[in-house]
Amino acid sequence: MTDRSAITTQSAAAKPLWCLTAETFPAWLAQQPADIARWIGAQAYAANTGSVLLLPGAEGIAGAILAIGDPLDPYAYAHGPLALPVGDWTPQDMADDVQRAALQLGWSLGAYRFDRYKAALREPARLLLANPDAEAVDVFAACCRVRDMVHTPTEHMGPDEIEAIARGIAAKHGARIDVHAGDDLITGNYPAIHAVGRASHRAPRIIELNWGDAGAPHLAIVGKGVCFDTGGLNLKAGPGMRNMKKDMGGAAHAIALAELLMQRKAPLRITLLVPAVENAVGPNALRPGEIIATRKGVSVEIDNTDAEGRLVLADALVRAAELQPSLVVDFATLTGAARVALGPDLPALYANDDDVAHAWLQAGSEQRDPLWRMPLWQPYLRYLISGVADIANGSSTTMAGSVTAALFLQKFVPVEQRWAHVDVYSWNDSDRPGRPAGGEAQSLRAAFAMLKDAKIVNPQS
């Protein structure tokens, strides 16, 4: 992927940049020359979070203040690249490595633009760092992977393209990859994935990538790859369908996380599973009322063809559990109900293991990449009762939609299998510093922080 970090290691003309909070600003100001103090006082500048102030010099701009909030939140620095004039800037008085890594990542996130189809309006200001943090470089690349995949329209990000990305990652890292596609899904016993994707002119498939030493703790990562979701015969209305290129956001997260863990050489054995389909309308489209088979042998009555993501995940989760990993995690843009409950910024976390849930929530707090745990409330399985099949994929009620979707998935996870599911929006509805409108990585940094040392994957170690 192209480097869009706006980080440079060499510059002959970098100007000083002070990253200050409203609390640290007064002490800094007290150390400044009288002319600078007068300049700042004349503007009644108080280093309010998210602001920038250019400092004058004999030959123009002598430096700048970047006002931040939480110093360990990468997004605190994300306004810098586009708020400051184009040029190179070097941070001052920042000896703490953790804060420097947050600055580096936040600056890069703030500089990101998806420019495949439209050039950026301006170049970002660059940050001079003599020794960029290598992990922050890789984390930013993973965030770009998610953003780029979700941004890309379905014409250029269908099942074929997702498979090509996975094959490229496998080749780079020496992983093994297997794909069942089209009618091979039937012979390979992935009937639910086939049923959802059969109406598209692009063959549905399941992509399986395996990497790592056989004796390492085994992590399975599953991602929903619905490349476009029309809703099927339960056709979505226009506003609901408009951004459905993002319905493969779970796959983008899963791919990016697996790639990041491989890039950082995490002490893990990784299996990545991505069911990649398009939920299209056609003569052979899945119909409401049909009974479909699943890899587990559980029959499913189709209440609503727009509840398709849980169907493709069902087969993928069963395959993951067959491999008996120490931990399974899945990512999916699964329900609008999660957004109603928690809004766009908080992914909904479900887990059948308290230690995994607590570790992910703790990592989210430390990384400023938050999630919110939701309950696997078993009594709500009553909303998925079918009179003619083992379970229905939806119900007539709108209550607890995110919970019932997670409960449906849990039906395909063995009781003894440790598992966590994230219902993620994968999208920014509007522009904010570091969060441009469009595709977004959410809970990815937290997941990496939780998993990179393998302790939560293999708690007996």
Protein backbone atom coordinates (compact mmCIF):
# COMPACT_ATOMS: atom_id res chain seq x y z
CA MET A 1 0.00 0.00 0.00
CA THR A 2 1.14 3.56 -0.68
CA ASP A 3 2.62 5.40 2.29
CA ARG A 4 0.31 8.23 3.24
CA SER A 5 1.56 8.77 6.76
CA ALA A 6 2.96 12.31 6.23
CA ILE A 7 5.90 11.30 8.42
CA THR A 8 9.43 12.20 7.31
CA THR A 9 12.79 11.31 8.84
CA GLN A 10 14.79 14.08 7.14
CA SER A 11 14.17 17.78 6.67
CA ALA A 12 16.40 20.80 6.38
CA ALA A 13 13.64 23.31 7.06
CA ALA A 14 11.38 21.84 9.73
CA LYS A 15 9.73 24.32 12.05
CA PRO A 16 9.21 23.65 15.78
CA LEU A 17 5.82 22.37 16.90
CA TRP A 18 4.64 22.41 20.50
CA CYS A 19 1.83 19.98 21.39
CA LEU A 20 0.16 21.55 24.41
CA THR A 21 -2.93 20.99 26.48
CA ALA A 22 -4.90 23.80 28.08
CA GLU A 23 -3.24 22.73 31.35
CA THR A 24 0.37 22.69 30.10
CA PHE A 25 0.01 25.85 28.03
CA PRO A 26 0.41 28.44 30.85
CA ALA A 27 3.75 27.02 32.00
CA TRP A 28 5.00 26.92 28.41
CA LEU A 29 3.83 30.49 27.82
CA ALA A 30 5.71 31.71 30.90
CA GLN A 31 8.97 30.55 29.30
CA GLN A 32 8.47 32.42 26.02
CA PRO A 33 10.05 35.72 24.91
CA ALA A 34 8.03 38.87 25.54
CA ASP A 35 7.18 39.40 21.87
CA ILE A 36 5.72 35.90 21.53
CA ALA A 37 3.77 36.33 24.77
CA ARG A 38 2.33 39.62 23.48
CA TRP A 39 1.38 37.97 20.16
CA ILE A 40 -0.44 35.18 21.94
CA GLY A 41 -2.10 37.54 24.41
CA ALA A 42 -3.36 39.79 21.63
CA GLN A 43 -5.27 36.84 20.21
CA ALA A 44 -6.57 35.68 23.60
CA TYR A 45 -5.28 32.23 22.70
CA ALA A 46 -5.78 29.59 25.40
CA ALA A 47 -4.77 26.33 23.65
CA ASN A 48 -8.31 25.05 23.46
CA THR A 49 -8.41 21.46 22.25
CA GLY A 50 -8.30 21.13 18.48
CA SER A 51 -6.91 24.58 17.79
CA VAL A 52 -3.68 25.70 16.11
CA LEU A 53 -1.70 28.92 16.51
CA LEU A 54 1.13 29.99 14.20
CA LEU A 55 3.97 31.84 15.90
CA PRO A 56 5.64 34.79 14.10
CA GLY A 57 9.34 35.12 13.38
CA ALA A 58 11.67 37.49 11.57
CA GLU A 59 11.21 35.58 8.31
CA GLY A 60 7.56 34.59 8.64
CA ILE A 61 6.35 31.58 10.61
CA ALA A 62 8.73 30.61 13.40
CA GLY A 63 6.74 27.69 14.80
CA ALA A 64 3.29 26.63 15.89
CA ILE A 65 1.19 25.37 18.78
CA LEU A 66 -0.96 22.29 18.27
CA ALA A 67 -3.54 22.25 21.06
CA ILE A 68 -4.48 18.75 22.16
CA GLY A 69 -6.68 17.04 24.70
CA ASP A 70 -5.71 13.59 25.97
CA PRO A 71 -1.97 13.26 25.13
CA LEU A 72 -2.28 9.48 24.68
CA ASP A 73 -5.21 9.66 22.27
CA PRO A 74 -3.92 9.56 18.68
CA TYR A 75 -6.91 11.56 17.49
CA ALA A 76 -5.85 14.45 19.75
CA TYR A 77 -3.15 15.23 17.15
CA ALA A 78 -5.13 14.42 14.01
CA HIS A 79 -6.05 18.01 13.15
CA GLY A 80 -2.39 18.92 12.68
CA PRO A 81 -1.69 17.75 9.11
CA LEU A 82 -4.48 19.79 7.53
CA ALA A 83 -4.70 22.68 9.99
CA LEU A 84 -1.02 23.60 9.68
CA PRO A 85 0.53 25.04 6.52
CA VAL A 86 2.18 22.61 4.15
CA GLY A 87 5.76 22.06 5.26
CA ASP A 88 7.73 20.07 7.81
CA TRP A 89 7.21 20.32 11.56
CA THR A 90 9.28 18.83 14.35
CA PRO A 91 7.76 18.15 17.79
CA GLN A 92 9.34 19.80 20.81
CA ASP A 93 9.69 18.72 24.44
CA MET A 94 8.24 15.24 23.90
CA ALA A 95 10.44 12.60 25.51
CA ASP A 96 7.73 10.07 26.35
CA ASP A 97 7.79 7.23 23.81
CA VAL A 98 4.13 6.34 24.28
CA GLN A 99 3.06 9.92 23.59
CA ARG A 100 5.37 10.11 20.58
CA ALA A 101 3.80 6.95 19.17
CA ALA A 102 0.32 8.42 19.73
CA LEU A 103 1.41 11.61 17.97
CA GLN A 104 2.84 9.63 15.05
CA LEU A 105 -0.26 7.49 14.60
CA GLY A 106 -2.66 10.41 15.07
CA TRP A 107 -0.75 12.56 12.60
CA SER A 108 -0.86 9.76 10.03
CA LEU A 109 -4.59 9.19 10.56
CA GLY A 110 -5.15 12.91 10.13
CA ALA A 111 -3.18 12.93 6.87
CA TYR A 112 -5.07 9.98 5.36
CA ARG A 113 -7.18 10.61 2.29
CA PHE A 114 -8.78 8.07 -0.05
CA ASP A 115 -7.58 9.34 -3.41
CA ARG A 116 -8.14 6.41 -5.76
CA TYR A 117 -10.77 8.32 -7.72
CA LYS A 118 -10.31 11.95 -6.66
CA ALA A 119 -7.12 13.81 -5.86
CA ALA A 120 -6.79 15.37 -2.41
CA LEU A 121 -7.42 19.11 -2.28
CA ARG A 122 -4.06 19.78 -0.63
CA GLU A 123 -0.96 18.08 0.66
CA PRO A 124 -0.78 17.46 4.40
CA ALA A 125 1.84 19.06 6.59
CA ARG A 126 4.58 16.55 7.41
CA LEU A 127 5.89 15.54 10.83
CA LEU A 128 9.64 15.14 11.26
CA LEU A 129 10.54 12.12 13.42
CA ALA A 130 14.11 10.86 13.43
CA ASN A 131 13.07 7.38 14.56
CA PRO A 132 9.43 6.60 13.78
CA ASP A 133 7.86 3.90 15.91
CA ALA A 134 7.77 0.73 13.79
CA GLU A 135 4.62 -0.64 15.40
CA ALA A 136 2.78 2.64 14.82
CA VAL A 137 3.77 2.45 11.16
CA ASP A 138 2.23 -1.02 10.86
CA VAL A 139 -0.89 -0.10 12.84
CA PHE A 140 -1.48 2.84 10.52
CA ALA A 141 -1.07 0.56 7.50
CA ALA A 142 -3.72 -1.76 8.98
CA CYS A 143 -6.10 1.17 9.48
CA CYS A 144 -5.49 2.18 5.87
CA ARG A 145 -6.25 -1.37 4.76
CA VAL A 146 -9.68 -1.20 6.39
CA ARG A 147 -10.42 2.31 5.20
CA ASP A 148 -9.34 1.65 1.62
CA MET A 149 -11.29 -1.59 1.32
CA VAL A 150 -14.47 -0.10 2.75
CA HIS A 151 -14.17 3.08 0.69
CA THR A 152 -13.78 1.16 -2.58
CA PRO A 153 -17.06 0.66 -4.47
CA THR A 154 -18.25 -2.87 -5.03
CA GLU A 155 -17.38 -2.86 -8.72
CA HIS A 156 -13.75 -2.80 -7.62
CA MET A 157 -14.13 -4.64 -4.29
CA GLY A 158 -16.14 -7.78 -4.97
CA PRO A 159 -15.41 -11.35 -3.91
CA ASP A 160 -12.67 -11.68 -6.56
CA GLU A 161 -10.87 -8.58 -5.30
CA ILE A 162 -11.09 -9.63 -1.66
CA GLU A 163 -9.63 -12.99 -2.59
CA ALA A 164 -6.84 -11.24 -4.51
CA ILE A 165 -5.99 -9.14 -1.43
CA ALA A 166 -5.89 -12.27 0.74
CA ARG A 167 -3.68 -14.06 -1.78
CA GLY A 168 -1.30 -11.10 -1.85
CA ILE A 169 -1.03 -11.13 1.94
CA ALA A 170 -0.50 -14.90 1.94
CA ALA A 171 2.29 -14.61 -0.62
CA LYS A 172 4.01 -11.85 1.33
CA HIS A 173 3.95 -13.66 4.65
CA GLY A 174 4.32 -17.27 3.54
CA ALA A 175 0.79 -18.29 4.49
CA ARG A 176 -1.31 -21.06 2.97
CA ILE A 177 -4.59 -20.15 1.30
CA ASP A 178 -7.56 -22.23 0.16
CA VAL A 179 -10.76 -21.03 -1.51
CA HIS A 180 -14.09 -22.73 -2.12
CA ALA A 181 -16.10 -20.77 -4.70
CA GLY A 182 -19.35 -21.12 -6.62
CA ASP A 183 -20.85 -24.60 -6.63
CA ASP A 184 -17.72 -25.86 -4.88
CA LEU A 185 -19.31 -24.37 -1.78
CA ILE A 186 -21.96 -27.09 -1.98
CA THR A 187 -19.51 -29.95 -2.31
CA GLY A 188 -17.33 -28.35 0.38
CA ASN A 189 -20.34 -28.11 2.74
CA TYR A 190 -20.79 -24.35 2.94
CA PRO A 191 -24.48 -24.28 1.95
CA ALA A 192 -25.47 -21.06 3.73
CA ILE A 193 -22.70 -19.05 2.06
CA HIS A 194 -23.79 -20.43 -1.31
CA ALA A 195 -27.45 -19.65 -0.65
CA VAL A 196 -26.75 -16.00 0.13
CA GLY A 197 -24.41 -15.39 -2.80
CA ARG A 198 -25.88 -17.56 -5.54
CA ALA A 199 -27.90 -14.79 -7.23
CA SER A 200 -24.87 -12.63 -8.00
CA HIS A 201 -22.94 -12.82 -11.27
CA ARG A 202 -19.82 -12.96 -9.07
CA ALA A 203 -19.32 -16.31 -7.44
CA PRO A 204 -19.62 -16.47 -3.65
CA ARG A 205 -16.69 -18.02 -1.82
CA ILE A 206 -15.02 -18.72 1.47
CA ILE A 207 -11.38 -17.74 1.78
CA GLU A 208 -9.25 -19.57 4.33
CA LEU A 209 -5.71 -18.44 5.13
CA ASN A 210 -3.42 -20.23 7.59
CA TRP A 211 -0.16 -18.85 8.98
CA GLY A 212 2.23 -19.58 11.82
CA ASP A 213 3.87 -22.45 13.66
CA ALA A 214 1.71 -25.45 14.42
CA GLY A 215 2.65 -25.34 18.12
CA ALA A 216 1.75 -21.67 18.66
CA PRO A 217 -1.52 -20.58 20.32
CA HIS A 218 -4.20 -20.80 17.66
CA LEU A 219 -6.36 -17.76 16.86
CA ALA A 220 -9.18 -17.86 14.30
CA ILE A 221 -10.31 -14.53 12.84
CA VAL A 222 -13.59 -14.42 10.90
CA GLY A 223 -14.93 -11.46 8.93
CA LYS A 224 -18.26 -10.88 7.20
CA GLY A 225 -17.52 -10.15 3.54
CA VAL A 226 -20.85 -9.10 2.02
CA CYS A 227 -19.45 -6.93 -0.76
CA PHE A 228 -22.80 -5.32 -1.43
CA ASP A 229 -26.09 -5.86 0.34
CA THR A 230 -29.20 -5.00 -1.64
CA GLY A 231 -31.23 -6.70 1.05
CA GLY A 232 -32.03 -9.44 -1.43
CA LEU A 233 -35.73 -9.90 -2.19
CA ASN A 234 -36.42 -8.02 1.04
CA LEU A 235 -34.99 -5.09 -0.90
CA LYS A 236 -33.58 -2.21 1.09
CA ALA A 237 -34.97 1.29 0.55
CA GLY A 238 -32.66 3.76 -1.19
CA PRO A 239 -31.19 5.44 1.91
CA GLY A 240 -30.50 2.07 3.54
CA MET A 241 -28.83 0.69 0.43
CA ARG A 242 -26.74 3.76 -0.39
CA ASN A 243 -23.64 2.83 1.60
CA MET A 244 -23.88 -0.94 1.40
CA LYS A 245 -20.48 -1.18 -0.23
CA LYS A 246 -19.37 -1.04 3.41
CA ASP A 247 -21.09 -4.31 4.31
CA MET A 248 -17.77 -6.08 3.88
CA GLY A 249 -16.33 -3.96 6.69
CA GLY A 250 -16.06 -7.01 8.93
CA ALA A 251 -13.93 -8.77 6.32
CA ALA A 252 -11.76 -5.67 6.00
CA HIS A 253 -11.19 -5.66 9.76
CA ALA A 254 -10.44 -9.38 9.87
CA ILE A 255 -8.00 -9.17 6.96
CA ALA A 256 -6.26 -6.10 8.38
CA LEU A 257 -5.94 -7.64 11.86
CA ALA A 258 -4.53 -10.90 10.51
CA GLU A 259 -2.12 -8.99 8.27
CA LEU A 260 -1.00 -6.78 11.16
CA LEU A 261 -0.36 -9.73 13.46
CA MET A 262 1.65 -11.43 10.73
CA GLN A 263 3.58 -8.27 9.95
CA ARG A 264 4.48 -7.89 13.63
CA LYS A 265 5.37 -11.60 13.82
CA ALA A 266 3.00 -12.25 16.71
CA PRO A 267 3.66 -15.59 18.45
CA LEU A 268 0.43 -17.05 17.12
CA ARG A 269 -0.95 -19.54 14.67
CA ILE A 270 -3.60 -17.66 12.69
CA THR A 271 -6.53 -18.88 10.64
CA LEU A 272 -8.36 -16.18 8.70
CA LEU A 273 -11.81 -17.03 7.35
CA VAL A 274 -13.70 -14.66 5.06
CA PRO A 275 -17.03 -15.60 3.47
CA ALA A 276 -17.15 -13.19 0.49
CA VAL A 277 -20.49 -12.81 -1.29
CA GLU A 278 -22.80 -10.27 -2.87
CA ASN A 279 -26.40 -10.30 -1.68
CA ALA A 280 -28.03 -9.66 -5.03
CA VAL A 281 -31.49 -9.89 -6.57
CA GLY A 282 -32.03 -12.40 -9.37
CA PRO A 283 -34.13 -15.35 -10.54
CA ASN A 284 -32.37 -17.70 -8.12
CA ALA A 285 -32.14 -15.29 -5.18
CA LEU A 286 -32.79 -16.56 -1.69
CA ARG A 287 -36.49 -16.15 -0.84
CA PRO A 288 -38.27 -15.43 2.45
CA GLY A 289 -39.74 -18.63 3.84
CA GLU A 290 -37.05 -20.91 2.43
CA ILE A 291 -35.37 -23.43 4.69
CA ILE A 292 -31.62 -23.60 4.13
CA ALA A 293 -28.98 -25.94 5.40
CA THR A 294 -25.81 -24.92 7.24
CA ARG A 295 -22.42 -26.53 7.73
CA LYS A 296 -23.40 -27.47 11.27
CA GLY A 297 -26.54 -29.28 10.11
CA VAL A 298 -28.80 -26.71 11.75
CA SER A 299 -31.71 -25.78 9.50
CA VAL A 300 -32.58 -22.08 9.15
CA GLU A 301 -35.87 -20.56 8.09
CA ILE A 302 -35.35 -17.34 6.16
CA ASP A 303 -37.50 -14.73 7.82
CA ASN A 304 -35.77 -11.87 6.01
CA THR A 305 -33.20 -12.03 3.21
CA ASP A 306 -31.67 -8.82 4.53
CA ALA A 307 -30.43 -10.74 7.58
CA GLU A 308 -27.85 -12.46 5.38
CA GLY A 309 -24.61 -11.62 7.17
CA ARG A 310 -25.36 -13.99 10.03
CA LEU A 311 -25.94 -16.78 7.52
CA VAL A 312 -22.53 -16.54 5.87
CA LEU A 313 -20.89 -16.11 9.27
CA ALA A 314 -22.65 -19.25 10.53
CA ASP A 315 -20.83 -21.51 8.07
CA ALA A 316 -17.53 -19.69 8.65
CA LEU A 317 -17.81 -19.94 12.45
CA VAL A 318 -18.52 -23.65 12.23
CA ARG A 319 -15.42 -24.10 10.08
CA ALA A 320 -13.38 -22.06 12.56
CA ALA A 321 -14.56 -24.19 15.49
CA GLU A 322 -13.73 -27.41 13.62
CA LEU A 323 -10.06 -26.36 13.79
CA GLN A 324 -10.33 -26.18 17.60
CA PRO A 325 -8.53 -22.85 18.04
CA SER A 326 -7.90 -21.39 21.45
CA LEU A 327 -9.96 -18.33 20.53
CA VAL A 328 -12.31 -17.25 17.74
CA VAL A 329 -13.02 -13.57 17.07
CA ASP A 330 -15.33 -12.28 14.38
CA PHE A 331 -16.05 -8.85 12.95
CA ALA A 332 -19.24 -7.92 11.11
CA THR A 333 -21.27 -4.92 10.04
CA LEU A 334 -24.17 -6.96 11.26
CA THR A 335 -27.05 -4.81 12.52
CA GLY A 336 -28.45 -1.33 12.42
CA ALA A 337 -29.76 -2.09 15.88
CA ALA A 338 -26.23 -1.84 17.28
CA ARG A 339 -26.01 1.69 15.92
CA VAL A 340 -29.38 2.58 17.43
CA ALA A 341 -28.16 1.31 20.79
CA LEU A 342 -24.60 2.66 20.77
CA GLY A 343 -24.29 5.13 17.91
CA PRO A 344 -21.64 5.08 15.18
CA ASP A 345 -18.49 5.29 17.33
CA LEU A 346 -18.97 2.38 19.75
CA PRO A 347 -18.80 -1.14 18.31
CA ALA A 348 -20.90 -3.68 20.20
CA LEU A 349 -18.85 -6.47 21.77
CA TYR A 350 -20.33 -9.86 22.58
CA ALA A 351 -18.29 -12.62 24.20
CA ASN A 352 -18.93 -15.96 25.86
CA ASP A 353 -15.76 -15.58 27.95
CA ASP A 354 -15.46 -12.82 30.55
CA ASP A 355 -11.66 -12.74 30.45
CA VAL A 356 -11.66 -12.11 26.71
CA ALA A 357 -14.32 -9.42 27.03
CA HIS A 358 -12.50 -7.66 29.86
CA ALA A 359 -9.18 -7.82 28.01
CA TRP A 360 -10.69 -6.30 24.88
CA LEU A 361 -12.45 -3.56 26.81
CA GLN A 362 -9.26 -2.77 28.73
CA ALA A 363 -7.23 -2.63 25.52
CA GLY A 364 -9.88 -0.36 24.02
CA SER A 365 -9.56 2.01 26.95
CA GLU A 366 -5.76 2.04 26.80
CA GLN A 367 -5.64 2.50 23.03
CA ARG A 368 -8.48 5.03 22.96
CA ASP A 369 -10.27 2.64 20.61
CA PRO A 370 -13.41 1.91 22.63
CA LEU A 371 -16.03 -0.83 22.51
CA TRP A 372 -19.08 -1.53 24.65
CA ARG A 373 -20.00 -4.98 25.89
CA MET A 374 -23.53 -6.16 25.20
CA PRO A 375 -25.26 -9.19 26.72
CA LEU A 376 -25.78 -12.60 25.15
CA TRP A 377 -29.20 -12.62 26.78
CA GLN A 378 -30.43 -16.17 26.20
CA PRO A 379 -34.18 -15.53 26.80
CA TYR A 380 -34.22 -13.47 23.58
CA LEU A 381 -33.69 -16.64 21.56
CA ARG A 382 -37.48 -16.79 21.67
CA TYR A 383 -37.47 -14.12 18.97
CA LEU A 384 -35.74 -16.57 16.59
CA ILE A 385 -38.07 -19.54 17.05
CA SER A 386 -39.21 -21.18 13.82
CA GLY A 387 -42.13 -23.60 13.52
CA VAL A 388 -40.56 -25.44 10.59
CA ALA A 389 -36.77 -25.19 11.12
CA ASP A 390 -34.27 -25.32 13.96
CA ILE A 391 -33.97 -21.53 14.03
CA ALA A 392 -35.08 -18.45 12.07
CA ASN A 393 -32.66 -15.81 10.85
CA GLY A 394 -34.89 -12.96 12.02
CA SER A 395 -38.19 -12.13 13.65
CA SER A 396 -41.13 -9.81 13.35
CA THR A 397 -40.08 -7.71 16.35
CA THR A 398 -37.58 -4.86 16.20
CA MET A 399 -36.54 -5.39 19.80
CA ALA A 400 -32.95 -6.34 20.72
CA GLY A 401 -31.89 -6.72 17.10
CA SER A 402 -28.17 -6.68 17.81
CA VAL A 403 -28.56 -9.15 20.68
CA THR A 404 -30.62 -11.61 18.66
CA ALA A 405 -28.11 -11.44 15.80
CA ALA A 406 -25.32 -12.32 18.22
CA LEU A 407 -27.42 -15.12 19.70
CA PHE A 408 -27.94 -16.51 16.21
CA LEU A 409 -24.17 -16.60 15.71
CA GLN A 410 -23.67 -18.22 19.12
CA LYS A 411 -25.87 -21.08 17.91
CA PHE A 412 -23.01 -22.04 15.58
CA VAL A 413 -20.23 -21.80 18.17
CA PRO A 414 -19.63 -24.84 20.42
CA VAL A 415 -20.25 -24.17 24.09
CA GLU A 416 -16.64 -24.91 24.97
CA GLN A 417 -15.21 -22.66 22.25
CA ARG A 418 -14.00 -19.24 23.49
CA TRP A 419 -15.49 -16.66 21.14
CA ALA A 420 -15.99 -12.91 20.78
CA HIS A 421 -18.06 -11.06 18.19
CA VAL A 422 -17.88 -7.38 17.30
CA ASP A 423 -20.79 -5.65 15.55
CA VAL A 424 -18.91 -2.77 13.94
CA TYR A 425 -20.15 0.19 11.87
CA SER A 426 -16.93 0.57 9.84
CA TRP A 427 -17.94 4.06 8.76
CA ASN A 428 -17.71 7.77 9.53
CA ASP A 429 -20.88 9.65 8.62
CA SER A 430 -19.10 13.02 8.48
CA ASP A 431 -15.63 14.53 8.48
CA ARG A 432 -13.78 14.94 11.76
CA PRO A 433 -10.05 15.37 12.31
CA GLY A 434 -8.45 12.02 11.63
CA ARG A 435 -11.82 10.52 10.78
CA PRO A 436 -12.69 11.48 7.21
CA ALA A 437 -16.18 10.59 6.02
CA GLY A 438 -16.29 7.03 4.75
CA GLY A 439 -14.62 3.78 5.73
CA GLU A 440 -13.18 3.46 9.23
CA ALA A 441 -11.30 0.96 11.34
CA GLN A 442 -12.95 0.52 14.73
CA SER A 443 -11.79 -1.77 17.55
CA LEU A 444 -8.89 -2.89 15.33
CA ARG A 445 -6.17 -1.19 17.39
CA ALA A 446 -7.69 -2.56 20.58
CA ALA A 447 -7.86 -6.06 19.12
CA PHE A 448 -4.20 -5.94 18.09
CA ALA A 449 -3.10 -4.68 21.51
CA MET A 450 -5.04 -7.48 23.17
CA LEU A 451 -3.76 -10.23 20.88
CA LYS A 452 -0.18 -9.34 19.98
CA ASP A 453 1.50 -11.11 22.90
CA ALA A 454 -0.80 -14.17 22.60
CA LYS A 455 -1.54 -14.27 26.34
CA ILE A 456 -5.31 -13.91 25.99
CA VAL A 457 -5.30 -16.49 23.19
CA ASN A 458 -3.55 -19.05 25.39
CA PRO A 459 -4.38 -18.14 29.01
CA GLN A 460 -2.67 -21.31 30.30
CA SER A 461 0.74 -20.03 29.12
